[in-house]
Protein backbone atom coordinates (compact mmCIF):
# COMPACT_ATOMS: atom_id res chain seq x y z
CA UNK A 1 -35.40 -194.51 -12.70
CA UNK A 2 -31.95 -195.40 -14.07
CA UNK A 3 -29.39 -192.78 -14.83
CA UNK A 4 -28.83 -192.84 -18.59
CA UNK A 5 -25.20 -192.24 -19.51
CA UNK A 6 -23.26 -191.87 -22.77
CA UNK A 7 -19.64 -192.26 -23.43
CA UNK A 8 -17.31 -190.48 -25.88
CA UNK A 9 -14.35 -192.78 -26.14
CA UNK A 10 -14.63 -196.45 -25.23
CA UNK A 11 -10.95 -197.38 -24.95
CA UNK A 12 -8.94 -198.49 -21.87
CA UNK A 13 -9.96 -195.82 -19.45
CA UNK A 14 -13.59 -196.16 -20.48
CA UNK A 15 -13.32 -199.85 -19.91
CA UNK A 16 -12.36 -199.14 -16.17
CA UNK A 17 -15.62 -197.20 -15.73
CA UNK A 18 -17.73 -199.62 -17.70
CA UNK A 19 -16.52 -202.38 -15.17
CA UNK A 20 -17.97 -200.28 -12.36
CA UNK A 21 -21.13 -199.06 -13.97
CA UNK A 22 -22.26 -202.49 -15.11
CA UNK A 23 -22.36 -203.55 -11.28
CA UNK A 24 -24.89 -200.80 -10.53
CA UNK A 25 -28.60 -201.44 -11.02
CA UNK A 26 -29.59 -197.73 -11.41
CA UNK A 27 -27.34 -197.05 -14.31
CA UNK A 28 -27.78 -197.62 -18.04
CA UNK A 29 -25.06 -196.99 -20.62
CA UNK A 30 -27.32 -196.09 -23.61
CA UNK A 31 -25.05 -194.32 -26.23
CA UNK A 32 -21.37 -194.70 -27.11
CA UNK A 33 -18.96 -193.45 -29.87
CA UNK A 34 -15.32 -193.89 -30.62
CA UNK A 35 -12.93 -192.94 -33.31
CA UNK A 36 -12.34 -196.76 -33.73
CA UNK A 37 -15.64 -198.11 -34.91
CA UNK A 38 -14.99 -201.51 -33.77
CA UNK A 39 -14.29 -200.52 -30.32
CA UNK A 40 -17.59 -198.50 -30.20
CA UNK A 41 -19.51 -201.52 -31.57
CA UNK A 42 -18.15 -203.85 -28.86
CA UNK A 43 -19.20 -201.27 -26.19
CA UNK A 44 -22.53 -200.98 -27.53
CA UNK A 45 -23.16 -204.72 -27.66
CA UNK A 46 -21.87 -205.17 -23.98
CA UNK A 47 -24.57 -202.69 -22.68
CA UNK A 48 -27.31 -202.89 -25.40
CA UNK A 49 -26.43 -199.32 -26.20
CA UNK A 50 -26.43 -197.47 -29.45
CA UNK A 51 -23.16 -196.72 -31.25
CA UNK A 52 -22.96 -193.40 -32.78
CA UNK A 53 -20.76 -192.47 -35.73
CA UNK A 54 -19.18 -189.47 -33.89
CA UNK A 55 -19.65 -187.43 -30.78
CA UNK A 56 -21.77 -184.67 -32.46
CA UNK A 57 -24.37 -187.23 -33.46
CA UNK A 58 -24.45 -188.67 -30.01
CA UNK A 59 -24.98 -185.32 -28.45
CA UNK A 60 -27.51 -184.11 -30.86
CA UNK A 61 -29.59 -187.40 -30.76
CA UNK A 62 -29.14 -189.52 -27.42
CA UNK A 63 -31.44 -189.15 -24.44
CA UNK A 64 -28.93 -188.79 -21.69
CA UNK A 65 -28.74 -187.74 -18.04
CA UNK A 66 -25.00 -187.52 -17.96
CA UNK A 67 -21.82 -187.91 -20.15
CA UNK A 68 -18.54 -189.49 -19.69
CA UNK A 69 -15.62 -188.06 -21.74
CA UNK A 70 -12.74 -190.61 -21.97
CA UNK A 71 -10.67 -189.31 -24.87
CA UNK A 72 -6.92 -188.50 -25.25
CA UNK A 73 -5.76 -185.07 -24.00
CA UNK A 74 -5.70 -183.60 -27.47
CA UNK A 75 -9.35 -184.38 -28.30
CA UNK A 76 -10.84 -182.23 -25.46
CA UNK A 77 -12.73 -178.86 -26.16
CA UNK A 78 -15.64 -178.89 -28.61
CA UNK A 79 -17.25 -181.92 -27.11
CA UNK A 80 -17.43 -180.37 -23.60
CA UNK A 81 -18.84 -177.22 -24.92
CA UNK A 82 -21.50 -179.13 -26.95
CA UNK A 83 -22.38 -181.14 -23.76
CA UNK A 84 -22.68 -177.91 -21.94
CA UNK A 85 -25.15 -176.60 -24.38
CA UNK A 86 -27.34 -179.40 -23.55
CA UNK A 87 -26.67 -178.81 -19.83
CA UNK A 88 -25.28 -182.38 -19.30
CA UNK A 89 -23.53 -183.32 -16.06
CA UNK A 90 -20.04 -184.37 -17.11
CA UNK A 91 -17.35 -186.85 -15.99
CA UNK A 92 -14.15 -185.99 -17.76
CA UNK A 93 -11.11 -188.14 -17.61
CA UNK A 94 -7.74 -186.38 -16.73
CA UNK A 95 -6.18 -184.45 -17.96
CA UNK A 96 -9.06 -182.45 -18.81
CA UNK A 97 -7.59 -180.46 -21.55
CA UNK A 98 -4.34 -179.16 -22.96
CA UNK A 99 -5.60 -175.64 -23.40
CA UNK A 100 -5.77 -174.10 -20.06
CA UNK A 101 -7.82 -171.03 -21.11
CA UNK A 102 -10.50 -173.11 -22.76
CA UNK A 103 -10.49 -175.47 -19.75
CA UNK A 104 -11.16 -172.36 -17.59
CA UNK A 105 -13.91 -171.41 -19.78
CA UNK A 106 -15.60 -174.71 -19.50
CA UNK A 107 -15.14 -174.62 -15.80
CA UNK A 108 -16.83 -171.35 -15.61
CA UNK A 109 -19.84 -172.45 -17.56
CA UNK A 110 -20.14 -175.57 -15.35
CA UNK A 111 -20.28 -173.29 -12.35
CA UNK A 112 -22.56 -170.81 -14.08
CA UNK A 113 -25.10 -173.59 -14.86
CA UNK A 114 -24.68 -175.32 -11.44
CA UNK A 115 -23.76 -178.58 -13.09
CA UNK A 116 -22.58 -181.73 -11.47
CA UNK A 117 -19.04 -182.40 -12.81
CA UNK A 118 -16.38 -184.87 -11.83
CA UNK A 119 -12.85 -185.79 -13.14
CA UNK A 120 -10.87 -188.96 -13.06
CA UNK A 121 -8.52 -188.45 -10.01
CA UNK A 122 -9.58 -191.70 -8.28
CA UNK A 123 -6.84 -191.63 -6.01
CA UNK A 124 -8.78 -188.95 -3.75
CA UNK A 125 -11.29 -191.80 -3.11
CA UNK A 126 -8.93 -194.20 -1.41
CA UNK A 127 -9.82 -194.97 2.24
CA UNK A 128 -6.06 -194.58 3.16
CA UNK A 129 -6.04 -191.09 1.81
CA UNK A 130 -8.94 -190.22 4.20
CA UNK A 131 -6.91 -191.49 7.14
CA UNK A 132 -3.70 -189.83 5.72
CA UNK A 133 -5.37 -186.37 5.60
CA UNK A 134 -6.61 -186.74 9.11
CA UNK A 135 -3.23 -187.63 10.45
CA UNK A 136 -1.45 -184.80 8.48
CA UNK A 137 -3.84 -182.32 10.25
CA UNK A 138 -2.05 -182.78 13.39
CA UNK A 139 1.67 -182.76 11.93
CA UNK A 140 4.25 -180.33 11.06
CA UNK A 141 5.14 -181.12 7.49
CA UNK A 142 8.64 -179.98 6.35
CA UNK A 143 9.12 -181.64 2.77
CA UNK A 144 7.40 -183.76 0.39
CA UNK A 145 8.66 -185.81 -2.61
CA UNK A 146 6.42 -187.37 -5.07
CA UNK A 147 7.06 -190.07 -7.94
CA UNK A 148 5.75 -191.36 -11.15
CA UNK A 149 8.60 -193.36 -12.48
CA UNK A 150 8.40 -196.31 -14.94
CA UNK A 151 7.99 -197.18 -18.50
CA UNK A 152 6.39 -195.46 -21.49
CA UNK A 153 2.68 -196.26 -22.41
CA UNK A 154 2.30 -197.79 -25.78
CA UNK A 155 -0.33 -195.59 -27.39
CA UNK A 156 1.00 -193.40 -30.19
CA UNK A 157 -0.27 -190.26 -28.96
CA UNK A 158 1.40 -190.38 -25.54
CA UNK A 159 5.00 -189.89 -26.91
CA UNK A 160 4.08 -186.46 -28.48
CA UNK A 161 3.97 -183.43 -26.12
CA UNK A 162 1.41 -181.64 -28.31
CA UNK A 163 -0.94 -184.69 -28.16
CA UNK A 164 -0.64 -185.80 -24.57
CA UNK A 165 0.96 -182.87 -22.76
CA UNK A 166 3.97 -185.07 -21.90
CA UNK A 167 4.39 -187.16 -18.78
CA UNK A 168 3.75 -184.44 -16.19
CA UNK A 169 0.44 -183.68 -17.71
CA UNK A 170 -0.85 -187.10 -18.79
CA UNK A 171 0.49 -189.35 -15.94
CA UNK A 172 2.19 -187.57 -13.05
CA UNK A 173 -0.95 -185.34 -12.97
CA UNK A 174 -2.10 -187.88 -10.31
CA UNK A 175 0.83 -187.01 -8.15
CA UNK A 176 0.46 -183.16 -8.69
CA UNK A 177 -3.33 -183.53 -7.77
CA UNK A 178 -2.57 -185.53 -4.70
CA UNK A 179 -0.10 -182.93 -3.59
CA UNK A 180 -2.81 -180.25 -3.90
CA UNK A 181 -5.27 -182.49 -2.09
CA UNK A 182 -2.96 -183.04 0.90
CA UNK A 183 -1.05 -179.84 1.18
CA UNK A 184 -3.11 -177.08 -0.69
CA UNK A 185 -2.32 -174.80 -3.46
CA UNK A 186 0.99 -174.13 -5.24
CA UNK A 187 2.19 -170.68 -6.05
CA UNK A 188 5.33 -171.41 -8.08
CA UNK A 189 7.11 -174.21 -9.75
CA UNK A 190 10.64 -174.68 -11.15
CA UNK A 191 11.37 -177.73 -13.19
CA UNK A 192 14.32 -179.37 -15.03
CA UNK A 193 14.23 -182.43 -17.40
CA UNK A 194 16.45 -184.91 -19.39
CA UNK A 195 16.21 -186.34 -22.84
CA UNK A 196 18.42 -188.71 -24.89
CA UNK A 197 17.54 -192.10 -23.36
CA UNK A 198 14.70 -192.91 -25.74
CA UNK A 199 16.59 -192.51 -28.96
CA UNK A 200 15.15 -195.86 -29.98
CA UNK A 201 11.56 -194.69 -29.82
CA UNK A 202 10.12 -193.08 -33.06
CA UNK A 203 8.28 -190.02 -33.11
CA UNK A 204 9.07 -189.06 -29.63
CA UNK A 205 9.45 -185.46 -28.26
CA UNK A 206 8.85 -185.53 -24.57
CA UNK A 207 11.18 -185.64 -21.65
CA UNK A 208 12.62 -188.89 -20.50
CA UNK A 209 12.57 -187.64 -16.80
CA UNK A 210 11.88 -184.49 -14.96
CA UNK A 211 12.02 -182.94 -11.43
CA UNK A 212 9.61 -180.33 -10.50
CA UNK A 213 9.94 -178.35 -7.46
CA UNK A 214 6.75 -176.92 -5.94
CA UNK A 215 6.49 -173.93 -3.68
CA UNK A 216 3.16 -174.12 -1.88
CA UNK A 217 1.22 -171.18 -0.46
CA UNK A 218 1.57 -172.59 2.93
CA UNK A 219 5.42 -172.28 2.71
CA UNK A 220 5.88 -176.16 2.26
CA UNK A 221 8.39 -177.11 -0.53
CA UNK A 222 8.54 -180.32 -2.36
CA UNK A 223 9.70 -181.98 -5.54
CA UNK A 224 7.80 -184.34 -7.84
CA UNK A 225 9.84 -186.71 -10.07
CA UNK A 226 8.75 -188.25 -13.37
CA UNK A 227 10.39 -190.93 -15.53
CA UNK A 228 9.18 -192.95 -18.54
CA UNK A 229 12.42 -194.48 -19.72
CA UNK A 230 12.82 -197.47 -17.28
CA UNK A 231 12.50 -201.00 -18.51
CA UNK A 232 12.85 -202.57 -14.96
CA UNK A 233 11.36 -201.24 -11.70
CA UNK A 234 9.59 -198.16 -10.97
CA UNK A 235 8.23 -196.06 -8.28
CA UNK A 236 4.85 -194.36 -7.71
CA UNK A 237 3.61 -192.37 -4.64
CA UNK A 238 5.00 -190.00 -2.21
CA UNK A 239 7.40 -189.53 0.76
CA UNK A 240 6.31 -187.01 3.44
CA UNK A 241 8.64 -185.75 5.99
CA UNK A 242 7.30 -184.39 9.17
CA UNK A 243 8.96 -183.18 12.22
CA UNK A 244 7.83 -186.19 14.22
CA UNK A 245 7.02 -188.69 11.51
CA UNK A 246 8.09 -190.03 8.19
CA UNK A 247 5.15 -191.08 5.94
CA UNK A 248 5.63 -193.38 2.89
CA UNK A 249 2.65 -193.49 0.55
CA UNK A 250 2.85 -196.31 -2.09
CA UNK A 251 0.65 -195.27 -4.96
CA UNK A 252 -2.87 -196.80 -4.63
CA UNK A 253 -1.65 -199.46 -2.26
CA UNK A 254 -0.49 -198.52 1.28
CA UNK A 255 0.60 -195.73 3.71
CA UNK A 256 3.30 -196.51 6.35
CA UNK A 257 3.81 -194.08 9.09
CA UNK A 258 7.13 -194.21 11.10
CA UNK A 259 7.06 -192.41 14.49
CA UNK A 260 9.85 -192.20 17.02
CA UNK A 261 8.43 -195.16 19.09
CA UNK A 262 5.97 -196.98 16.61
CA UNK A 263 5.07 -197.75 13.12
CA UNK A 264 1.60 -197.54 11.65
CA UNK A 265 0.82 -199.45 8.49
CA UNK A 266 -2.36 -198.94 6.40
CA UNK A 267 -3.44 -201.05 3.37
CA UNK A 268 -5.98 -199.55 0.86
CA UNK A 269 -9.35 -201.33 1.80
CA UNK A 270 -11.95 -199.99 -0.74
CA UNK A 271 -12.57 -200.05 -4.43
CA UNK A 272 -11.77 -196.37 -4.92
CA UNK A 273 -12.55 -196.47 -8.58
CA UNK A 274 -15.92 -197.79 -8.03
CA UNK A 275 -16.38 -195.31 -5.29
CA UNK A 276 -15.55 -192.49 -7.61
CA UNK A 277 -18.09 -193.58 -10.26
CA UNK A 278 -20.79 -194.39 -7.55
CA UNK A 279 -20.34 -190.85 -6.16
CA UNK A 280 -20.75 -189.35 -9.55
CA UNK A 281 -23.86 -191.26 -10.51
CA UNK A 282 -25.43 -190.59 -6.98
CA UNK A 283 -24.64 -186.81 -7.57
CA UNK A 284 -26.38 -186.92 -10.95
CA UNK A 285 -29.47 -188.61 -9.46
CA UNK A 286 -29.73 -186.19 -6.62
CA UNK A 287 -28.53 -183.06 -8.33
CA UNK A 288 -26.19 -182.65 -5.30
CA UNK A 289 -22.38 -182.83 -6.21
CA UNK A 290 -20.97 -181.97 -2.80
CA UNK A 291 -19.63 -185.40 -2.21
CA UNK A 292 -17.52 -185.32 -5.49
CA UNK A 293 -13.82 -184.95 -4.49
CA UNK A 294 -12.50 -183.70 -7.83
CA UNK A 295 -14.82 -181.47 -9.70
CA UNK A 296 -13.96 -179.99 -13.14
CA UNK A 297 -13.25 -176.57 -11.77
CA UNK A 298 -11.00 -178.16 -9.19
CA UNK A 299 -9.40 -180.35 -11.62
CA UNK A 300 -8.40 -177.38 -13.84
CA UNK A 301 -6.16 -176.38 -11.03
CA UNK A 302 -4.23 -179.46 -11.28
CA UNK A 303 -4.01 -179.01 -14.94
CA UNK A 304 -2.70 -175.43 -14.45
CA UNK A 305 0.09 -176.77 -12.13
CA UNK A 306 1.14 -179.48 -14.52
CA UNK A 307 1.17 -177.10 -17.57
CA UNK A 308 3.25 -174.65 -15.43
CA UNK A 309 5.72 -177.52 -15.03
CA UNK A 310 5.90 -177.97 -18.77
CA UNK A 311 6.52 -174.15 -19.16
CA UNK A 312 9.30 -174.32 -16.71
CA UNK A 313 10.76 -177.35 -18.47
CA UNK A 314 10.78 -175.35 -21.65
CA UNK A 315 11.90 -172.12 -20.38
CA UNK A 316 14.32 -173.01 -17.59
CA UNK A 317 12.76 -170.47 -15.35
CA UNK A 318 10.33 -170.43 -12.36
CA UNK A 319 6.54 -170.16 -13.33
CA UNK A 320 4.04 -168.66 -11.12
CA UNK A 321 0.65 -170.46 -10.82
CA UNK A 322 -2.28 -168.03 -11.72
CA UNK A 323 -5.71 -168.67 -10.46
């Protein structure tokens, strides 16, 4: 039987998942809702689904096997709790919340019920990341630097810290998460930021750029850079400095490893977004979530890291990460 899924939020990131799910014969999108009625109607027509006026109606009436939550950061909370009351497996887009305490309570309930959950850290599903992790297992890593540097997204909520969490939470979270995936947990962060380059942007209150130094439990140190002020160029990915190798990871594209006497170049070869959705649907169908690379409880740790970066930006002091 087909897995019946619903969507809360049908905007850009939902469209990313729609493109994958419509290629799967064992999935049916049966229920959708969105704050923009026309957008929900278009999604419903695409799949022959029912459009609901709001998520409460969807969650009380729709016959679902799983739920995708693809809303802006500020909207999370009640919808997850209502879905958990129904015992629904959840796919939640990053960042999973802006309230760390509530996110942790959701994670605890997911674990208590033994529910399948996944979060949209699709970069973990790249085949080059599998190969990079295997390579790093045999290396002595001394330093890492990560980057998410470019322009500002156009949606209104992104430019307000209280709505998006700011760039560290909403965008650079992919790099923070990858740092955890490759190098383990972080115990302390220390951050600094700059403002003033975006004076021409109305209703804007986040940092134009920031640098967040990470102190890992392993003893590794690294810094992750964010920038949203750039009109030309940009950079995304990571540089990894080992005792016997230098590694350049270009976000979602390639890994280049330079050793003393050779260079190894790897291009991404899989549709990692499709792999992310396929893994979730398979887990819902089987009840076995062991192949999911970013569960909700794990993603809360990435949220804690980026929110700690925000706290350090605000206070100018180091911030310890609490489990």
